[in-house]
Amino acid sequence: MFSIVDGTSTHIDEAAAIWARATAARDGDDDVASLAEARPVISRVLESSPHALLAIAVNEDGTAVAFGAIAPVPGANATAELHYFGVDPDRWGRGAAGELLTRIAAMLRERGFDTAELAVYADNDRAVRLYERLGWRRQGDPVPHAHSGRPEQRYQLALHPAAGS
């Protein structure tokens, strides 16, 4: 249904625009961040490591509909962190998130990572259900986000599950 591409050098603005619209929609905020405000959010992740990745889901007409900005965890052997993940709000509920997350896991395995991590607002029920359905496991208790103060839950995904699990 969607093509998944490595948009690290080609789709930063599209990812930033999706991030701005998706976070505003998630939080019920009418004020959507401008591209000038949103672009650095994505760029910081991509500039953090030469092994960073911007995975993009594009629909049939080539429009970016979802993204994941991922970078290795400094000092953690073979662990990647999904720093930002978003789906265009006009595409919510159409399968892009699940398809992209599944492909991101495969891309990370292909790149030699053993584990993926992420943090999500604990009250983001839609995202929590998706992550858990796809095999992400809670790690510890929620902690307040450094800027918003909202409880944030860490999750981890084993990219090479043990045989028989």
N, C-alpha and C. Protein backbone atom coordinates (compact mmCIF):
# COMPACT_ATOMS: atom_id res chain seq x y z
N MET A 1 0.83 -1.19 0.00
CA MET A 1 0.00 0.00 0.00
C MET A 1 0.87 1.26 0.00
N PHE A 2 1.98 1.22 0.72
CA PHE A 2 2.91 2.35 0.76
C PHE A 2 4.29 1.86 0.37
N SER A 3 5.08 2.75 -0.21
CA SER A 3 6.49 2.45 -0.43
C SER A 3 7.25 3.04 0.73
N ILE A 4 8.24 2.32 1.21
CA ILE A 4 9.07 2.82 2.31
C ILE A 4 10.44 3.13 1.72
N VAL A 5 10.89 4.38 1.90
CA VAL A 5 12.15 4.81 1.31
C VAL A 5 13.05 5.43 2.38
N ASP A 6 14.33 5.42 2.09
CA ASP A 6 15.31 6.13 2.93
C ASP A 6 15.30 7.57 2.45
N GLY A 7 14.73 8.45 3.23
CA GLY A 7 14.61 9.86 2.86
C GLY A 7 15.60 10.74 3.60
N THR A 8 16.68 10.17 4.10
CA THR A 8 17.63 10.89 4.93
C THR A 8 18.15 12.16 4.25
N SER A 9 18.40 12.09 2.96
CA SER A 9 18.93 13.27 2.26
C SER A 9 17.91 13.94 1.37
N THR A 10 16.67 13.41 1.33
CA THR A 10 15.70 13.94 0.37
C THR A 10 14.37 14.40 0.94
N HIS A 11 13.99 13.96 2.13
CA HIS A 11 12.63 14.19 2.61
C HIS A 11 12.56 14.90 3.97
N ILE A 12 13.57 15.66 4.32
CA ILE A 12 13.57 16.32 5.64
C ILE A 12 12.40 17.28 5.79
N ASP A 13 12.15 18.10 4.79
CA ASP A 13 11.05 19.06 4.89
C ASP A 13 9.70 18.37 4.99
N GLU A 14 9.51 17.29 4.24
CA GLU A 14 8.25 16.57 4.32
C GLU A 14 8.05 15.96 5.71
N ALA A 15 9.12 15.39 6.27
CA ALA A 15 9.03 14.83 7.61
C ALA A 15 8.73 15.92 8.64
N ALA A 16 9.39 17.06 8.50
CA ALA A 16 9.17 18.17 9.43
C ALA A 16 7.72 18.66 9.36
N ALA A 17 7.18 18.76 8.16
CA ALA A 17 5.80 19.21 8.01
C ALA A 17 4.83 18.20 8.62
N ILE A 18 5.08 16.91 8.42
CA ILE A 18 4.23 15.89 9.04
C ILE A 18 4.33 15.98 10.55
N TRP A 19 5.56 16.12 11.07
CA TRP A 19 5.74 16.23 12.52
C TRP A 19 4.93 17.40 13.08
N ALA A 20 5.01 18.55 12.43
CA ALA A 20 4.30 19.75 12.91
C ALA A 20 2.79 19.53 12.92
N ARG A 21 2.26 19.00 11.85
CA ARG A 21 0.81 18.77 11.75
C ARG A 21 0.35 17.68 12.72
N ALA A 22 1.13 16.60 12.81
CA ALA A 22 0.73 15.47 13.65
C ALA A 22 0.77 15.82 15.13
N THR A 23 1.80 16.54 15.57
CA THR A 23 1.86 16.88 17.00
C THR A 23 0.76 17.88 17.36
N ALA A 24 0.47 18.81 16.46
CA ALA A 24 -0.63 19.75 16.72
C ALA A 24 -1.96 19.01 16.81
N ALA A 25 -2.20 18.08 15.88
CA ALA A 25 -3.44 17.31 15.89
C ALA A 25 -3.53 16.44 17.14
N ARG A 26 -2.42 15.77 17.50
CA ARG A 26 -2.40 14.90 18.68
C ARG A 26 -2.76 15.68 19.93
N ASP A 27 -2.22 16.91 20.03
CA ASP A 27 -2.41 17.72 21.23
C ASP A 27 -3.62 18.65 21.16
N GLY A 28 -4.38 18.60 20.07
CA GLY A 28 -5.54 19.47 19.92
C GLY A 28 -5.17 20.94 19.84
N ASP A 29 -4.04 21.23 19.23
CA ASP A 29 -3.51 22.59 19.14
C ASP A 29 -3.74 23.13 17.74
N ASP A 30 -4.39 24.29 17.63
CA ASP A 30 -4.64 24.91 16.33
C ASP A 30 -3.38 25.56 15.76
N ASP A 31 -2.39 25.80 16.60
CA ASP A 31 -1.15 26.46 16.19
C ASP A 31 -0.15 25.40 15.72
N VAL A 32 0.01 25.26 14.39
CA VAL A 32 0.92 24.29 13.80
C VAL A 32 2.28 24.97 13.61
N ALA A 33 3.33 24.31 14.05
CA ALA A 33 4.69 24.86 13.91
C ALA A 33 5.00 25.10 12.44
N SER A 34 5.75 26.16 12.18
CA SER A 34 6.18 26.45 10.81
C SER A 34 7.29 25.48 10.40
N LEU A 35 7.56 25.43 9.12
CA LEU A 35 8.64 24.58 8.64
C LEU A 35 9.97 25.02 9.23
N ALA A 36 10.17 26.32 9.39
CA ALA A 36 11.41 26.83 9.98
C ALA A 36 11.56 26.37 11.43
N GLU A 37 10.46 26.21 12.14
CA GLU A 37 10.50 25.72 13.52
C GLU A 37 10.63 24.19 13.57
N ALA A 38 10.01 23.50 12.64
CA ALA A 38 9.96 22.04 12.67
C ALA A 38 11.20 21.39 12.06
N ARG A 39 11.79 21.98 11.04
CA ARG A 39 12.94 21.37 10.36
C ARG A 39 14.08 21.04 11.31
N PRO A 40 14.47 21.95 12.24
CA PRO A 40 15.57 21.61 13.16
C PRO A 40 15.30 20.40 14.05
N VAL A 41 14.05 20.13 14.35
CA VAL A 41 13.70 18.97 15.18
C VAL A 41 14.17 17.69 14.49
N ILE A 42 13.89 17.58 13.21
CA ILE A 42 14.27 16.39 12.44
C ILE A 42 15.77 16.43 12.13
N SER A 43 16.27 17.59 11.74
CA SER A 43 17.69 17.72 11.37
C SER A 43 18.62 17.34 12.51
N ARG A 44 18.25 17.70 13.75
CA ARG A 44 19.11 17.36 14.90
C ARG A 44 19.34 15.86 15.00
N VAL A 45 18.31 15.09 14.78
CA VAL A 45 18.46 13.63 14.84
C VAL A 45 19.39 13.15 13.73
N LEU A 46 19.16 13.64 12.53
CA LEU A 46 19.94 13.18 11.38
C LEU A 46 21.40 13.61 11.45
N GLU A 47 21.65 14.74 12.09
CA GLU A 47 23.02 15.24 12.22
C GLU A 47 23.75 14.61 13.40
N SER A 48 23.05 13.86 14.23
CA SER A 48 23.66 13.29 15.44
C SER A 48 24.59 12.12 15.15
N SER A 49 24.45 11.51 13.98
CA SER A 49 25.27 10.33 13.66
C SER A 49 25.28 10.11 12.16
N PRO A 50 26.41 9.65 11.63
CA PRO A 50 26.43 9.27 10.22
C PRO A 50 25.56 8.05 9.93
N HIS A 51 25.10 7.36 10.98
CA HIS A 51 24.26 6.17 10.83
C HIS A 51 22.78 6.48 11.08
N ALA A 52 22.44 7.76 11.21
CA ALA A 52 21.05 8.15 11.40
C ALA A 52 20.26 7.86 10.13
N LEU A 53 18.95 7.72 10.29
CA LEU A 53 18.08 7.31 9.19
C LEU A 53 16.76 8.06 9.27
N LEU A 54 16.27 8.49 8.12
CA LEU A 54 14.93 9.05 8.01
C LEU A 54 14.14 8.13 7.10
N ALA A 55 13.30 7.30 7.69
CA ALA A 55 12.47 6.37 6.93
C ALA A 55 11.15 7.07 6.61
N ILE A 56 10.74 6.97 5.35
CA ILE A 56 9.55 7.67 4.87
C ILE A 56 8.59 6.69 4.21
N ALA A 57 7.30 6.80 4.55
CA ALA A 57 6.25 6.07 3.84
C ALA A 57 5.65 7.02 2.82
N VAL A 58 5.65 6.62 1.56
CA VAL A 58 5.05 7.43 0.51
C VAL A 58 3.89 6.67 -0.11
N ASN A 59 2.85 7.41 -0.48
CA ASN A 59 1.70 6.74 -1.10
C ASN A 59 1.90 6.62 -2.61
N GLU A 60 0.88 6.17 -3.31
CA GLU A 60 0.97 5.87 -4.74
C GLU A 60 1.40 7.07 -5.58
N ASP A 61 1.02 8.28 -5.17
CA ASP A 61 1.39 9.46 -5.97
C ASP A 61 2.72 10.08 -5.53
N GLY A 62 3.43 9.40 -4.62
CA GLY A 62 4.75 9.87 -4.20
C GLY A 62 4.74 10.85 -3.05
N THR A 63 3.57 11.09 -2.46
CA THR A 63 3.46 12.00 -1.33
C THR A 63 3.89 11.31 -0.04
N ALA A 64 4.75 11.96 0.72
CA ALA A 64 5.16 11.43 2.02
C ALA A 64 3.98 11.50 2.98
N VAL A 65 3.67 10.39 3.63
CA VAL A 65 2.53 10.34 4.55
C VAL A 65 2.92 10.00 5.98
N ALA A 66 4.15 9.49 6.17
CA ALA A 66 4.61 9.13 7.52
C ALA A 66 6.13 9.09 7.51
N PHE A 67 6.71 9.23 8.70
CA PHE A 67 8.17 9.23 8.81
C PHE A 67 8.60 8.68 10.15
N GLY A 68 9.85 8.25 10.21
CA GLY A 68 10.52 7.89 11.45
C GLY A 68 11.94 8.42 11.38
N ALA A 69 12.34 9.20 12.37
CA ALA A 69 13.71 9.73 12.46
C ALA A 69 14.44 8.93 13.53
N ILE A 70 15.50 8.22 13.11
CA ILE A 70 16.17 7.23 13.96
C ILE A 70 17.66 7.49 13.99
N ALA A 71 18.28 7.28 15.15
CA ALA A 71 19.73 7.40 15.28
C ALA A 71 20.22 6.39 16.30
N PRO A 72 21.49 5.97 16.16
CA PRO A 72 22.06 5.07 17.16
C PRO A 72 22.08 5.74 18.53
N VAL A 73 21.93 4.96 19.58
CA VAL A 73 22.04 5.47 20.94
C VAL A 73 23.53 5.58 21.26
N PRO A 74 24.01 6.78 21.59
CA PRO A 74 25.45 6.92 21.89
C PRO A 74 25.86 6.02 23.06
N GLY A 75 26.93 5.28 22.87
CA GLY A 75 27.47 4.43 23.92
C GLY A 75 26.74 3.12 24.12
N ALA A 76 25.65 2.91 23.39
CA ALA A 76 24.90 1.65 23.52
C ALA A 76 25.18 0.80 22.28
N ASN A 77 25.77 -0.31 22.48
CA ASN A 77 26.15 -1.16 21.37
C ASN A 77 24.91 -1.71 20.65
N ALA A 78 24.78 -1.40 19.38
CA ALA A 78 23.75 -1.95 18.50
C ALA A 78 22.32 -1.60 18.90
N THR A 79 22.13 -0.43 19.53
CA THR A 79 20.78 0.03 19.87
C THR A 79 20.50 1.33 19.13
N ALA A 80 19.32 1.39 18.51
CA ALA A 80 18.88 2.59 17.80
C ALA A 80 17.67 3.17 18.52
N GLU A 81 17.53 4.49 18.45
CA GLU A 81 16.36 5.13 19.06
C GLU A 81 15.52 5.79 17.98
N LEU A 82 14.24 5.49 18.02
CA LEU A 82 13.26 6.15 17.17
C LEU A 82 12.89 7.44 17.90
N HIS A 83 13.56 8.52 17.51
CA HIS A 83 13.38 9.80 18.20
C HIS A 83 12.03 10.44 17.89
N TYR A 84 11.67 10.41 16.61
CA TYR A 84 10.40 11.02 16.18
C TYR A 84 9.73 10.10 15.19
N PHE A 85 8.42 9.97 15.34
CA PHE A 85 7.62 9.16 14.44
C PHE A 85 6.31 9.88 14.25
N GLY A 86 5.87 10.02 13.02
CA GLY A 86 4.61 10.72 12.79
C GLY A 86 3.94 10.30 11.51
N VAL A 87 2.63 10.45 11.52
CA VAL A 87 1.80 10.17 10.35
C VAL A 87 0.97 11.42 10.09
N ASP A 88 0.86 11.79 8.82
CA ASP A 88 0.02 12.93 8.44
C ASP A 88 -1.38 12.68 9.01
N PRO A 89 -1.93 13.63 9.76
CA PRO A 89 -3.24 13.41 10.39
C PRO A 89 -4.34 13.05 9.39
N ASP A 90 -4.24 13.51 8.14
CA ASP A 90 -5.23 13.14 7.13
C ASP A 90 -5.13 11.67 6.75
N ARG A 91 -4.06 10.99 7.17
CA ARG A 91 -3.85 9.58 6.84
C ARG A 91 -3.96 8.66 8.05
N TRP A 92 -4.31 9.20 9.21
CA TRP A 92 -4.44 8.38 10.40
C TRP A 92 -5.45 7.26 10.15
N GLY A 93 -5.14 6.08 10.65
CA GLY A 93 -6.06 4.95 10.55
C GLY A 93 -6.03 4.22 9.22
N ARG A 94 -5.07 4.51 8.36
CA ARG A 94 -5.01 3.88 7.04
C ARG A 94 -3.85 2.91 6.88
N GLY A 95 -3.16 2.57 7.98
CA GLY A 95 -2.14 1.54 7.93
C GLY A 95 -0.71 2.00 7.72
N ALA A 96 -0.50 3.28 7.48
CA ALA A 96 0.87 3.76 7.22
C ALA A 96 1.77 3.56 8.43
N ALA A 97 1.28 3.81 9.62
CA ALA A 97 2.12 3.70 10.82
C ALA A 97 2.61 2.28 11.03
N GLY A 98 1.71 1.32 10.97
CA GLY A 98 2.11 -0.07 11.17
C GLY A 98 3.05 -0.56 10.10
N GLU A 99 2.77 -0.20 8.86
CA GLU A 99 3.62 -0.62 7.75
C GLU A 99 5.02 0.00 7.88
N LEU A 100 5.07 1.28 8.23
CA LEU A 100 6.37 1.94 8.37
C LEU A 100 7.15 1.39 9.56
N LEU A 101 6.50 1.19 10.70
CA LEU A 101 7.21 0.65 11.86
C LEU A 101 7.76 -0.75 11.60
N THR A 102 7.00 -1.56 10.89
CA THR A 102 7.47 -2.90 10.56
C THR A 102 8.70 -2.82 9.66
N ARG A 103 8.66 -1.93 8.69
CA ARG A 103 9.81 -1.80 7.78
C ARG A 103 11.01 -1.17 8.48
N ILE A 104 10.77 -0.23 9.41
CA ILE A 104 11.88 0.36 10.17
C ILE A 104 12.61 -0.73 10.94
N ALA A 105 11.87 -1.65 11.57
CA ALA A 105 12.50 -2.74 12.30
C ALA A 105 13.38 -3.56 11.36
N ALA A 106 12.90 -3.85 10.16
CA ALA A 106 13.69 -4.61 9.19
C ALA A 106 14.92 -3.83 8.75
N MET A 107 14.76 -2.54 8.52
CA MET A 107 15.89 -1.71 8.11
C MET A 107 16.97 -1.68 9.19
N LEU A 108 16.55 -1.59 10.43
CA LEU A 108 17.51 -1.56 11.53
C LEU A 108 18.23 -2.90 11.67
N ARG A 109 17.50 -4.00 11.52
CA ARG A 109 18.14 -5.33 11.53
C ARG A 109 19.19 -5.42 10.42
N GLU A 110 18.82 -4.97 9.22
CA GLU A 110 19.74 -5.00 8.08
C GLU A 110 20.99 -4.17 8.33
N ARG A 111 20.87 -3.15 9.17
CA ARG A 111 21.99 -2.27 9.47
C ARG A 111 22.78 -2.72 10.70
N GLY A 112 22.43 -3.88 11.25
CA GLY A 112 23.19 -4.46 12.34
C GLY A 112 22.73 -4.10 13.74
N PHE A 113 21.59 -3.47 13.88
CA PHE A 113 21.08 -3.15 15.21
C PHE A 113 20.37 -4.35 15.80
N ASP A 114 20.48 -4.51 17.12
CA ASP A 114 19.83 -5.61 17.84
C ASP A 114 18.56 -5.17 18.54
N THR A 115 18.50 -3.88 18.90
CA THR A 115 17.41 -3.35 19.72
C THR A 115 17.03 -1.97 19.22
N ALA A 116 15.74 -1.67 19.31
CA ALA A 116 15.24 -0.32 19.04
C ALA A 116 14.52 0.17 20.28
N GLU A 117 14.60 1.47 20.52
CA GLU A 117 13.95 2.09 21.67
C GLU A 117 13.17 3.32 21.21
N LEU A 118 12.20 3.71 22.01
CA LEU A 118 11.46 4.94 21.77
C LEU A 118 10.81 5.38 23.07
N ALA A 119 10.34 6.60 23.08
CA ALA A 119 9.55 7.12 24.20
C ALA A 119 8.27 7.70 23.61
N VAL A 120 7.17 7.51 24.31
CA VAL A 120 5.88 8.00 23.85
C VAL A 120 5.12 8.55 25.06
N TYR A 121 4.35 9.61 24.82
CA TYR A 121 3.51 10.10 25.91
C TYR A 121 2.57 8.98 26.34
N ALA A 122 2.53 8.71 27.62
CA ALA A 122 1.74 7.60 28.15
C ALA A 122 0.25 7.76 27.86
N ASP A 123 -0.21 9.00 27.66
CA ASP A 123 -1.63 9.23 27.38
C ASP A 123 -1.94 9.22 25.88
N ASN A 124 -0.96 8.91 25.04
CA ASN A 124 -1.17 8.81 23.60
C ASN A 124 -1.63 7.38 23.30
N ASP A 125 -2.90 7.12 23.64
CA ASP A 125 -3.44 5.76 23.57
C ASP A 125 -3.30 5.12 22.20
N ARG A 126 -3.54 5.89 21.15
CA ARG A 126 -3.46 5.36 19.79
C ARG A 126 -2.05 4.82 19.51
N ALA A 127 -1.03 5.59 19.85
CA ALA A 127 0.36 5.18 19.61
C ALA A 127 0.74 4.01 20.51
N VAL A 128 0.36 4.07 21.77
CA VAL A 128 0.69 3.00 22.72
C VAL A 128 0.12 1.68 22.22
N ARG A 129 -1.13 1.67 21.79
CA ARG A 129 -1.75 0.43 21.28
C ARG A 129 -0.99 -0.09 20.07
N LEU A 130 -0.60 0.80 19.17
CA LEU A 130 0.15 0.39 17.97
C LEU A 130 1.48 -0.24 18.35
N TYR A 131 2.25 0.45 19.18
CA TYR A 131 3.57 -0.07 19.56
C TYR A 131 3.44 -1.44 20.23
N GLU A 132 2.52 -1.57 21.15
CA GLU A 132 2.37 -2.83 21.86
C GLU A 132 1.90 -3.95 20.92
N ARG A 133 1.02 -3.63 19.98
CA ARG A 133 0.55 -4.62 19.01
C ARG A 133 1.71 -5.12 18.14
N LEU A 134 2.68 -4.26 17.87
CA LEU A 134 3.82 -4.61 17.03
C LEU A 134 4.99 -5.20 17.81
N GLY A 135 4.79 -5.47 19.10
CA GLY A 135 5.81 -6.18 19.88
C GLY A 135 6.74 -5.31 20.71
N TRP A 136 6.53 -4.00 20.75
CA TRP A 136 7.33 -3.13 21.62
C TRP A 136 6.93 -3.42 23.06
N ARG A 137 7.90 -3.44 23.96
CA ARG A 137 7.66 -3.76 25.37
C ARG A 137 8.02 -2.57 26.26
N ARG A 138 7.14 -2.31 27.23
CA ARG A 138 7.38 -1.22 28.19
C ARG A 138 8.67 -1.45 28.96
N GLN A 139 9.37 -0.36 29.23
CA GLN A 139 10.60 -0.41 30.01
C GLN A 139 10.44 0.55 31.20
N GLY A 140 10.32 0.03 32.37
CA GLY A 140 10.19 0.87 33.56
C GLY A 140 8.86 1.59 33.64
N ASP A 141 8.84 2.60 34.50
CA ASP A 141 7.64 3.40 34.72
C ASP A 141 7.72 4.69 33.93
N PRO A 142 6.57 5.30 33.62
CA PRO A 142 6.60 6.59 32.93
C PRO A 142 7.31 7.64 33.78
N VAL A 143 7.98 8.56 33.09
CA VAL A 143 8.65 9.68 33.76
C VAL A 143 8.22 10.97 33.07
N PRO A 144 8.25 12.08 33.79
CA PRO A 144 7.84 13.35 33.17
C PRO A 144 8.78 13.75 32.02
N HIS A 145 8.20 14.18 30.92
CA HIS A 145 8.97 14.69 29.79
C HIS A 145 9.68 15.96 30.24
N ALA A 146 10.91 16.14 29.80
CA ALA A 146 11.74 17.27 30.25
C ALA A 146 11.12 18.63 29.98
N HIS A 147 10.38 18.78 28.88
CA HIS A 147 9.82 20.10 28.54
C HIS A 147 8.34 20.23 28.86
N SER A 148 7.56 19.20 28.55
CA SER A 148 6.11 19.30 28.73
C SER A 148 5.65 18.88 30.11
N GLY A 149 6.44 18.02 30.77
CA GLY A 149 6.02 17.49 32.07
C GLY A 149 5.05 16.33 31.96
N ARG A 150 4.57 16.03 30.75
CA ARG A 150 3.64 14.92 30.56
C ARG A 150 4.36 13.60 30.78
N PRO A 151 3.69 12.60 31.38
CA PRO A 151 4.32 11.29 31.58
C PRO A 151 4.68 10.65 30.24
N GLU A 152 5.92 10.19 30.17
CA GLU A 152 6.44 9.57 28.95
C GLU A 152 6.91 8.16 29.29
N GLN A 153 6.48 7.19 28.48
CA GLN A 153 6.81 5.79 28.68
C GLN A 153 7.87 5.36 27.68
N ARG A 154 8.92 4.66 28.16
CA ARG A 154 9.94 4.11 27.27
C ARG A 154 9.49 2.72 26.81
N TYR A 155 9.82 2.41 25.57
CA TYR A 155 9.54 1.11 24.98
C TYR A 155 10.80 0.58 24.31
N GLN A 156 10.86 -0.74 24.17
CA GLN A 156 12.00 -1.38 23.52
C GLN A 156 11.47 -2.51 22.63
N LEU A 157 12.16 -2.69 21.50
CA LEU A 157 11.82 -3.77 20.58
C LEU A 157 13.07 -4.58 20.30
N ALA A 158 13.01 -5.88 20.58
CA ALA A 158 14.12 -6.77 20.23
C ALA A 158 14.03 -7.03 18.73
N LEU A 159 15.10 -6.72 18.01
CA LEU A 159 15.09 -6.86 16.55
C LEU A 159 15.47 -8.26 16.10
N HIS A 160 16.03 -9.04 17.02
CA HIS A 160 16.38 -10.44 16.76
C HIS A 160 15.77 -11.28 17.88
N PRO A 161 14.44 -11.51 17.83
CA PRO A 161 13.81 -12.28 18.91
C PRO A 161 14.44 -13.66 19.06
N ALA A 162 14.48 -14.10 20.30
CA ALA A 162 15.04 -15.43 20.60
C ALA A 162 14.20 -16.50 19.90
N ALA A 163 14.84 -17.55 19.49
CA ALA A 163 14.13 -18.65 18.81
C ALA A 163 13.05 -19.18 19.73
N GLY A 164 11.88 -19.41 19.14
CA GLY A 164 10.78 -19.97 19.89
C GLY A 164 9.93 -18.94 20.61
N SER A 165 10.27 -17.62 20.51
CA SER A 165 9.42 -16.64 21.18
C SER A 165 8.33 -16.17 20.28
